[in-house]
Amino acid sequence: MTAKSQSSQWMDNIVRDYVTPILKDEGFRKRGRTFFKEFEDIIWVLDIQSGWNSPTTANFTINLGVVFPRVWDVINGGPRPENPIKIQWTVNQRIGLLLPRSTDTWWSLKKVTDIDAKGPEVRSIIVDYALPFLKKFTSASDLLTLYMQDSENLGSNNSRVHAAIIANHLGDIHYARKLLLEQMDATPNTHKVVEISVRIDGARTSKEKEYSNKEQVDFIRQCAKRMAMDI
């Protein structure tokens, strides 16, 4: 087994000492550096994301998510992953945007003393900002309310589709169908891409090409079919 780098050990220590205890008390389970708590129809997720790391420096931030497992059944089909955090998140929020300064926030560990210097701040932010954010969502109804208040809040490239799946689950079939039809209308038949080529002599040429959006339209129809709808 390959020995962990110093920075990776520091990451494990800050998670062990400052993150795990408070989340365990809140009923979260842990896989690696990701924590999740399952409810009847949604799952809370708190993920410690590392980035730009070297053997002697660790950088990390916190991602928050809410998973609606039924999304897997409709979008992917087939058995759900054993690890629920692998299901596409319906809500995705970076911790820094919840803080007063509202900017992407990362912590760096460059020496062992940084663990106890920055650990309390991380713990406080989880208690004061991360958990209150997640506690806004206790059921699928809360997710649909969020979408109806501001559709941009559903942090997904397919927010309308996610909302349709939730609405269908809650029994509002008409609204679910309306959302899928809106997504169809918002999907043009084709999209254009400018492709740039560089010749051996360094000269650059560009050419605009048009591609069909049939796959996206077929995707929406497949989702409707899995929800027993005809669109």
C-alpha atoms as a PDB file:
ATOM      1  CA  MET A   1       0.000   0.000   0.000  1.00  0.00           C
ATOM      2  CA  THR A   2       1.339   3.423  -0.959  1.00  0.00           C
ATOM      3  CA  ALA A   3       2.034   5.621   2.054  1.00  0.00           C
ATOM      4  CA  LYS A   4      -0.088   8.750   2.318  1.00  0.00           C
ATOM      5  CA  SER A   5       1.602  12.080   1.732  1.00  0.00           C
ATOM      6  CA  GLN A   6       2.062  14.483   4.594  1.00  0.00           C
ATOM      7  CA  SER A   7      -0.630  16.803   3.222  1.00  0.00           C
ATOM      8  CA  SER A   8      -3.096  13.928   2.863  1.00  0.00           C
ATOM      9  CA  GLN A   9      -2.485  12.926   6.486  1.00  0.00           C
ATOM     10  CA  TRP A  10      -3.144  16.514   7.564  1.00  0.00           C
ATOM     11  CA  MET A  11      -6.418  16.474   5.636  1.00  0.00           C
ATOM     12  CA  ASP A  12      -7.428  13.220   7.333  1.00  0.00           C
ATOM     13  CA  ASN A  13      -6.568  14.706  10.721  1.00  0.00           C
ATOM     14  CA  ILE A  14      -8.623  17.871  10.279  1.00  0.00           C
ATOM     15  CA  VAL A  15     -11.579  15.787   9.078  1.00  0.00           C
ATOM     16  CA  ARG A  16     -11.178  13.360  11.979  1.00  0.00           C
ATOM     17  CA  ASP A  17     -10.774  15.986  14.713  1.00  0.00           C
ATOM     18  CA  TYR A  18     -12.953  18.887  13.560  1.00  0.00           C
ATOM     19  CA  VAL A  19     -15.529  17.613  11.071  1.00  0.00           C
ATOM     20  CA  THR A  20     -16.455  14.032  11.931  1.00  0.00           C
ATOM     21  CA  PRO A  21     -17.469  14.579  15.591  1.00  0.00           C
ATOM     22  CA  ILE A  22     -20.083  17.270  14.877  1.00  0.00           C
ATOM     23  CA  LEU A  23     -21.520  15.507  11.836  1.00  0.00           C
ATOM     24  CA  LYS A  24     -21.641  12.157  13.615  1.00  0.00           C
ATOM     25  CA  ASP A  25     -23.670  13.825  16.373  1.00  0.00           C
ATOM     26  CA  GLU A  26     -26.063  15.064  13.654  1.00  0.00           C
ATOM     27  CA  GLY A  27     -26.595  11.531  12.355  1.00  0.00           C
ATOM     28  CA  PHE A  28     -24.329  11.641   9.290  1.00  0.00           C
ATOM     29  CA  ARG A  29     -22.471   8.626   7.973  1.00  0.00           C
ATOM     30  CA  LYS A  30     -19.017   8.884   6.426  1.00  0.00           C
ATOM     31  CA  ARG A  31     -17.357   7.570   3.270  1.00  0.00           C
ATOM     32  CA  GLY A  32     -13.839   8.837   2.806  1.00  0.00           C
ATOM     33  CA  ARG A  33     -14.112  12.603   3.231  1.00  0.00           C
ATOM     34  CA  THR A  34     -17.787  12.723   2.302  1.00  0.00           C
ATOM     35  CA  PHE A  35     -20.636  12.694   4.814  1.00  0.00           C
ATOM     36  CA  PHE A  36     -24.286  11.960   4.121  1.00  0.00           C
ATOM     37  CA  LYS A  37     -27.555  11.669   6.003  1.00  0.00           C
ATOM     38  CA  GLU A  38     -30.530   9.852   4.522  1.00  0.00           C
ATOM     39  CA  PHE A  39     -34.172  10.840   4.974  1.00  0.00           C
ATOM     40  CA  GLU A  40     -37.329   9.284   3.540  1.00  0.00           C
ATOM     41  CA  ASP A  41     -36.913  10.754   0.058  1.00  0.00           C
ATOM     42  CA  ILE A  42     -33.794  12.968   0.117  1.00  0.00           C
ATOM     43  CA  ILE A  43     -30.156  12.726   1.194  1.00  0.00           C
ATOM     44  CA  TRP A  44     -27.978  15.496   2.645  1.00  0.00           C
ATOM     45  CA  VAL A  45     -24.358  15.526   1.504  1.00  0.00           C
ATOM     46  CA  LEU A  46     -21.325  17.391   2.878  1.00  0.00           C
ATOM     47  CA  ASP A  47     -18.140  16.799   0.922  1.00  0.00           C
ATOM     48  CA  ILE A  48     -14.625  17.919   1.815  1.00  0.00           C
ATOM     49  CA  GLN A  49     -13.145  18.677  -1.614  1.00  0.00           C
ATOM     50  CA  SER A  50      -9.381  18.869  -1.993  1.00  0.00           C
ATOM     51  CA  GLY A  51      -7.577  20.619  -4.818  1.00  0.00           C
ATOM     52  CA  TRP A  52      -4.173  21.870  -5.998  1.00  0.00           C
ATOM     53  CA  ASN A  53      -2.501  19.635  -3.451  1.00  0.00           C
ATOM     54  CA  SER A  54       1.163  18.711  -3.239  1.00  0.00           C
ATOM     55  CA  PRO A  55       2.926  16.333  -0.847  1.00  0.00           C
ATOM     56  CA  THR A  56       3.541  19.267   1.517  1.00  0.00           C
ATOM     57  CA  THR A  57       0.462  21.470   0.997  1.00  0.00           C
ATOM     58  CA  ALA A  58      -3.253  20.653   1.206  1.00  0.00           C
ATOM     59  CA  ASN A  59      -6.039  22.914  -0.043  1.00  0.00           C
ATOM     60  CA  PHE A  60      -9.686  22.162   0.565  1.00  0.00           C
ATOM     61  CA  THR A  61     -13.197  23.564   0.535  1.00  0.00           C
ATOM     62  CA  ILE A  62     -16.651  22.286   1.445  1.00  0.00           C
ATOM     63  CA  ASN A  63     -19.455  21.364  -0.961  1.00  0.00           C
ATOM     64  CA  LEU A  64     -23.013  20.914   0.213  1.00  0.00           C
ATOM     65  CA  GLY A  65     -25.638  18.975  -1.652  1.00  0.00           C
ATOM     66  CA  VAL A  66     -29.114  17.538  -1.505  1.00  0.00           C
ATOM     67  CA  VAL A  67     -29.756  14.340  -3.440  1.00  0.00           C
ATOM     68  CA  PHE A  68     -33.173  13.188  -4.595  1.00  0.00           C
ATOM     69  CA  PRO A  69     -32.529   9.490  -5.350  1.00  0.00           C
ATOM     70  CA  ARG A  70     -35.497   9.139  -7.700  1.00  0.00           C
ATOM     71  CA  VAL A  71     -33.470  11.279 -10.129  1.00  0.00           C
ATOM     72  CA  TRP A  72     -31.255   8.250 -10.799  1.00  0.00           C
ATOM     73  CA  ASP A  73     -34.231   6.063 -11.685  1.00  0.00           C
ATOM     74  CA  VAL A  74     -35.545   8.550 -14.250  1.00  0.00           C
ATOM     75  CA  ILE A  75     -32.333   9.942 -15.739  1.00  0.00           C
ATOM     76  CA  ASN A  76     -30.119   6.854 -15.657  1.00  0.00           C
ATOM     77  CA  GLY A  77     -32.370   3.861 -15.173  1.00  0.00           C
ATOM     78  CA  GLY A  78     -31.119   0.609 -13.722  1.00  0.00           C
ATOM     79  CA  PRO A  79     -30.051  -0.126 -10.137  1.00  0.00           C
ATOM     80  CA  ARG A  80     -28.986   2.826  -8.028  1.00  0.00           C
ATOM     81  CA  PRO A  81     -25.348   3.002  -6.909  1.00  0.00           C
ATOM     82  CA  GLU A  82     -24.640   1.495  -3.501  1.00  0.00           C
ATOM     83  CA  ASN A  83     -23.024   4.789  -2.579  1.00  0.00           C
ATOM     84  CA  PRO A  84     -25.846   7.374  -2.671  1.00  0.00           C
ATOM     85  CA  ILE A  85     -23.464  10.300  -3.051  1.00  0.00           C
ATOM     86  CA  LYS A  86     -22.744   9.105  -6.612  1.00  0.00           C
ATOM     87  CA  ILE A  87     -26.263  10.094  -7.626  1.00  0.00           C
ATOM     88  CA  GLN A  88     -26.453  13.484  -9.357  1.00  0.00           C
ATOM     89  CA  TRP A  89     -27.063  16.220  -6.785  1.00  0.00           C
ATOM     90  CA  THR A  90     -30.265  18.217  -7.159  1.00  0.00           C
ATOM     91  CA  VAL A  91     -28.926  21.040  -4.976  1.00  0.00           C
ATOM     92  CA  ASN A  92     -25.226  21.918  -5.072  1.00  0.00           C
ATOM     93  CA  GLN A  93     -23.818  24.730  -2.932  1.00  0.00           C
ATOM     94  CA  ARG A  94     -20.252  25.857  -2.233  1.00  0.00           C
ATOM     95  CA  ILE A  95     -19.769  26.834   1.396  1.00  0.00           C
ATOM     96  CA  GLY A  96     -18.056  30.135   0.577  1.00  0.00           C
ATOM     97  CA  LEU A  97     -21.193  31.526  -1.071  1.00  0.00           C
ATOM     98  CA  LEU A  98     -23.088  31.093   2.201  1.00  0.00           C
ATOM     99  CA  LEU A  99     -20.571  33.122   4.207  1.00  0.00           C
ATOM    100  CA  PRO A 100     -20.924  36.890   4.771  1.00  0.00           C
ATOM    101  CA  ARG A 101     -18.178  37.627   2.236  1.00  0.00           C
ATOM    102  CA  SER A 102     -19.984  35.414  -0.334  1.00  0.00           C
ATOM    103  CA  THR A 103     -16.933  34.272  -2.257  1.00  0.00           C
ATOM    104  CA  ASP A 104     -15.397  30.893  -3.003  1.00  0.00           C
ATOM    105  CA  THR A 105     -13.466  29.899   0.126  1.00  0.00           C
ATOM    106  CA  TRP A 106     -10.545  27.503   0.450  1.00  0.00           C
ATOM    107  CA  TRP A 107      -8.333  26.574   3.400  1.00  0.00           C
ATOM    108  CA  SER A 108      -4.636  25.695   3.127  1.00  0.00           C
ATOM    109  CA  LEU A 109      -2.624  23.374   5.360  1.00  0.00           C
ATOM    110  CA  LYS A 110       1.099  24.046   4.958  1.00  0.00           C
ATOM    111  CA  LYS A 111       2.375  22.873   8.317  1.00  0.00           C
ATOM    112  CA  VAL A 112       1.101  20.540  11.005  1.00  0.00           C
ATOM    113  CA  THR A 113       0.149  23.432  13.298  1.00  0.00           C
ATOM    114  CA  ASP A 114      -2.362  24.614  10.667  1.00  0.00           C
ATOM    115  CA  ILE A 115      -4.621  21.714  11.666  1.00  0.00           C
ATOM    116  CA  ASP A 116      -5.420  23.157  15.077  1.00  0.00           C
ATOM    117  CA  ALA A 117      -5.174  26.745  13.830  1.00  0.00           C
ATOM    118  CA  LYS A 118      -7.804  26.347  11.097  1.00  0.00           C
ATOM    119  CA  GLY A 119      -9.784  23.382  12.362  1.00  0.00           C
ATOM    120  CA  PRO A 120     -11.938  25.414  14.786  1.00  0.00           C
ATOM    121  CA  GLU A 121     -12.881  27.850  11.998  1.00  0.00           C
ATOM    122  CA  VAL A 122     -13.923  24.979   9.733  1.00  0.00           C
ATOM    123  CA  ARG A 123     -15.964  23.430  12.534  1.00  0.00           C
ATOM    124  CA  SER A 124     -17.691  26.731  13.325  1.00  0.00           C
ATOM    125  CA  ILE A 125     -18.576  27.328   9.691  1.00  0.00           C
ATOM    126  CA  ILE A 126     -20.117  23.871   9.436  1.00  0.00           C
ATOM    127  CA  VAL A 127     -22.187  24.514  12.573  1.00  0.00           C
ATOM    128  CA  ASP A 128     -23.188  28.099  11.722  1.00  0.00           C
ATOM    129  CA  TYR A 129     -23.656  27.881   7.935  1.00  0.00           C
ATOM    130  CA  ALA A 130     -23.478  24.377   6.447  1.00  0.00           C
ATOM    131  CA  LEU A 131     -25.914  22.605   8.743  1.00  0.00           C
ATOM    132  CA  PRO A 132     -28.499  25.440   8.758  1.00  0.00           C
ATOM    133  CA  PHE A 133     -28.423  25.410   4.950  1.00  0.00           C
ATOM    134  CA  LEU A 134     -29.015  21.656   4.759  1.00  0.00           C
ATOM    135  CA  LYS A 135     -31.732  21.816   7.402  1.00  0.00           C
ATOM    136  CA  LYS A 136     -33.849  23.914   5.031  1.00  0.00           C
ATOM    137  CA  PHE A 137     -34.514  20.659   3.177  1.00  0.00           C
ATOM    138  CA  THR A 138     -36.315  17.849   4.957  1.00  0.00           C
ATOM    139  CA  SER A 139     -38.315  16.417   2.051  1.00  0.00           C
ATOM    140  CA  ALA A 140     -38.802  16.497  -1.704  1.00  0.00           C
ATOM    141  CA  SER A 141     -41.470  19.175  -1.215  1.00  0.00           C
ATOM    142  CA  ASP A 142     -38.796  21.574   0.029  1.00  0.00           C
ATOM    143  CA  LEU A 143     -36.788  21.006  -3.158  1.00  0.00           C
ATOM    144  CA  LEU A 144     -39.766  21.756  -5.380  1.00  0.00           C
ATOM    145  CA  THR A 145     -40.538  24.884  -3.351  1.00  0.00           C
ATOM    146  CA  LEU A 146     -36.969  26.046  -3.889  1.00  0.00           C
ATOM    147  CA  TYR A 147     -37.320  25.560  -7.649  1.00  0.00           C
ATOM    148  CA  MET A 148     -40.642  27.390  -7.794  1.00  0.00           C
ATOM    149  CA  GLN A 149     -39.196  30.347  -5.864  1.00  0.00           C
ATOM    150  CA  ASP A 150     -36.158  30.638  -8.114  1.00  0.00           C
ATOM    151  CA  SER A 151     -35.350  27.974 -10.684  1.00  0.00           C
ATOM    152  CA  GLU A 152     -31.685  28.980 -10.709  1.00  0.00           C
ATOM    153  CA  ASN A 153     -31.340  27.702  -7.140  1.00  0.00           C
ATOM    154  CA  LEU A 154     -31.464  24.118  -8.314  1.00  0.00           C
ATOM    155  CA  GLY A 155     -27.784  23.717  -9.099  1.00  0.00           C
ATOM    156  CA  SER A 156     -28.122  21.348 -12.016  1.00  0.00           C
ATOM    157  CA  ASN A 157     -27.708  21.642 -15.761  1.00  0.00           C
ATOM    158  CA  ASN A 158     -31.120  19.943 -15.975  1.00  0.00           C
ATOM    159  CA  SER A 159     -32.935  21.862 -13.246  1.00  0.00           C
ATOM    160  CA  ARG A 160     -36.305  21.685 -15.048  1.00  0.00           C
ATOM    161  CA  VAL A 161     -35.945  17.940 -15.438  1.00  0.00           C
ATOM    162  CA  HIS A 162     -35.053  17.535 -11.760  1.00  0.00           C
ATOM    163  CA  ALA A 163     -38.073  19.655 -10.793  1.00  0.00           C
ATOM    164  CA  ALA A 164     -40.308  17.573 -13.084  1.00  0.00           C
ATOM    165  CA  ILE A 165     -39.105  14.347 -11.464  1.00  0.00           C
ATOM    166  CA  ILE A 166     -39.797  15.776  -8.010  1.00  0.00           C
ATOM    167  CA  ALA A 167     -43.239  17.065  -9.022  1.00  0.00           C
ATOM    168  CA  ASN A 168     -44.151  13.699 -10.518  1.00  0.00           C
ATOM    169  CA  HIS A 169     -43.006  11.953  -7.323  1.00  0.00           C
ATOM    170  CA  LEU A 170     -45.254  14.290  -5.306  1.00  0.00           C
ATOM    171  CA  GLY A 171     -48.235  13.492  -7.533  1.00  0.00           C
ATOM    172  CA  ASP A 172     -48.356  16.744  -9.513  1.00  0.00           C
ATOM    173  CA  ILE A 173     -48.242  15.059 -12.902  1.00  0.00           C
ATOM    174  CA  HIS A 174     -49.580  18.058 -14.830  1.00  0.00           C
ATOM    175  CA  TYR A 175     -46.836  20.347 -13.512  1.00  0.00           C
ATOM    176  CA  ALA A 176     -44.195  17.691 -14.205  1.00  0.00           C
ATOM    177  CA  ARG A 177     -45.363  17.367 -17.816  1.00  0.00           C
ATOM    178  CA  LYS A 178     -45.461  21.167 -18.193  1.00  0.00           C
ATOM    179  CA  LEU A 179     -41.829  21.415 -17.054  1.00  0.00           C
ATOM    180  CA  LEU A 180     -40.668  18.753 -19.507  1.00  0.00           C
ATOM    181  CA  LEU A 181     -42.484  20.442 -22.363  1.00  0.00           C
ATOM    182  CA  GLU A 182     -40.877  23.763 -21.392  1.00  0.00           C
ATOM    183  CA  GLN A 183     -37.488  22.050 -21.494  1.00  0.00           C
ATOM    184  CA  MET A 184     -38.287  20.697 -24.949  1.00  0.00           C
ATOM    185  CA  ASP A 185     -39.268  24.186 -26.138  1.00  0.00           C
ATOM    186  CA  ALA A 186     -36.069  25.637 -24.677  1.00  0.00           C
ATOM    187  CA  THR A 187     -33.948  23.128 -26.585  1.00  0.00           C
ATOM    188  CA  PRO A 188     -33.255  24.335 -30.159  1.00  0.00           C
ATOM    189  CA  ASN A 189     -33.072  21.774 -32.947  1.00  0.00           C
ATOM    190  CA  THR A 190     -29.376  22.501 -33.468  1.00  0.00           C
ATOM    191  CA  HIS A 191     -26.470  24.309 -31.857  1.00  0.00           C
ATOM    192  CA  LYS A 192     -23.441  25.935 -33.463  1.00  0.00           C
ATOM    193  CA  VAL A 193     -19.791  25.453 -32.505  1.00  0.00           C
ATOM    194  CA  VAL A 194     -16.809  27.373 -33.809  1.00  0.00           C
ATOM    195  CA  GLU A 195     -13.944  24.958 -34.421  1.00  0.00           C
ATOM    196  CA  ILE A 196     -10.412  26.383 -34.607  1.00  0.00           C
ATOM    197  CA  SER A 197      -7.575  24.639 -36.460  1.00  0.00           C
ATOM    198  CA  VAL A 198      -3.878  25.487 -36.336  1.00  0.00           C
ATOM    199  CA  ARG A 199      -1.782  24.705 -39.411  1.00  0.00           C
ATOM    200  CA  ILE A 200       1.850  23.607 -39.289  1.00  0.00           C
ATOM    201  CA  ASP A 201       2.913  27.170 -40.161  1.00  0.00           C
ATOM    202  CA  GLY A 202       1.002  28.465 -37.127  1.00  0.00           C
ATOM    203  CA  ALA A 203      -1.836  30.028 -39.059  1.00  0.00           C
ATOM    204  CA  ARG A 204      -5.234  29.674 -37.401  1.00  0.00           C
ATOM    205  CA  THR A 205      -8.470  29.054 -39.228  1.00  0.00           C
ATOM    206  CA  SER A 206     -11.971  28.844 -37.824  1.00  0.00           C
ATOM    207  CA  LYS A 207     -15.098  27.228 -39.119  1.00  0.00           C
ATOM    208  CA  GLU A 208     -18.606  27.282 -37.711  1.00  0.00           C
ATOM    209  CA  LYS A 209     -20.314  23.896 -37.601  1.00  0.00           C
ATOM    210  CA  GLU A 210     -23.884  23.070 -36.746  1.00  0.00           C
ATOM    211  CA  TYR A 211     -24.789  20.039 -34.664  1.00  0.00           C
ATOM    212  CA  SER A 212     -28.121  18.412 -33.923  1.00  0.00           C
ATOM    213  CA  ASN A 213     -29.630  18.519 -30.426  1.00  0.00           C
ATOM    214  CA  LYS A 214     -31.486  15.266 -31.054  1.00  0.00           C
ATOM    215  CA  GLU A 215     -29.722  13.535 -28.143  1.00  0.00           C
ATOM    216  CA  GLN A 216     -30.977  16.145 -25.680  1.00  0.00           C
ATOM    217  CA  VAL A 217     -34.523  15.909 -27.042  1.00  0.00           C
ATOM    218  CA  ASP A 218     -34.373  12.108 -26.861  1.00  0.00           C
ATOM    219  CA  PHE A 219     -33.109  12.410 -23.259  1.00  0.00           C
ATOM    220  CA  ILE A 220     -36.143  14.484 -22.253  1.00  0.00           C
ATOM    221  CA  ARG A 221     -38.506  12.042 -23.970  1.00  0.00           C
ATOM    222  CA  GLN A 222     -36.810   9.102 -22.239  1.00  0.00           C
ATOM    223  CA  CYS A 223     -37.259  10.801 -18.849  1.00  0.00           C
ATOM    224  CA  ALA A 224     -40.943  11.318 -19.624  1.00  0.00           C
ATOM    225  CA  LYS A 225     -41.303   7.677 -20.631  1.00  0.00           C
ATOM    226  CA  ARG A 226     -39.757   6.496 -17.350  1.00  0.00           C
ATOM    227  CA  MET A 227     -42.340   8.600 -15.533  1.00  0.00           C
ATOM    228  CA  ALA A 228     -45.129   7.072 -17.646  1.00  0.00           C
ATOM    229  CA  MET A 229     -45.750  10.329 -19.531  1.00  0.00           C
ATOM    230  CA  ASP A 230     -46.239  11.003 -23.207  1.00  0.00           C
ATOM    231  CA  ILE A 231     -44.789  14.273 -24.521  1.00  0.00           C
END
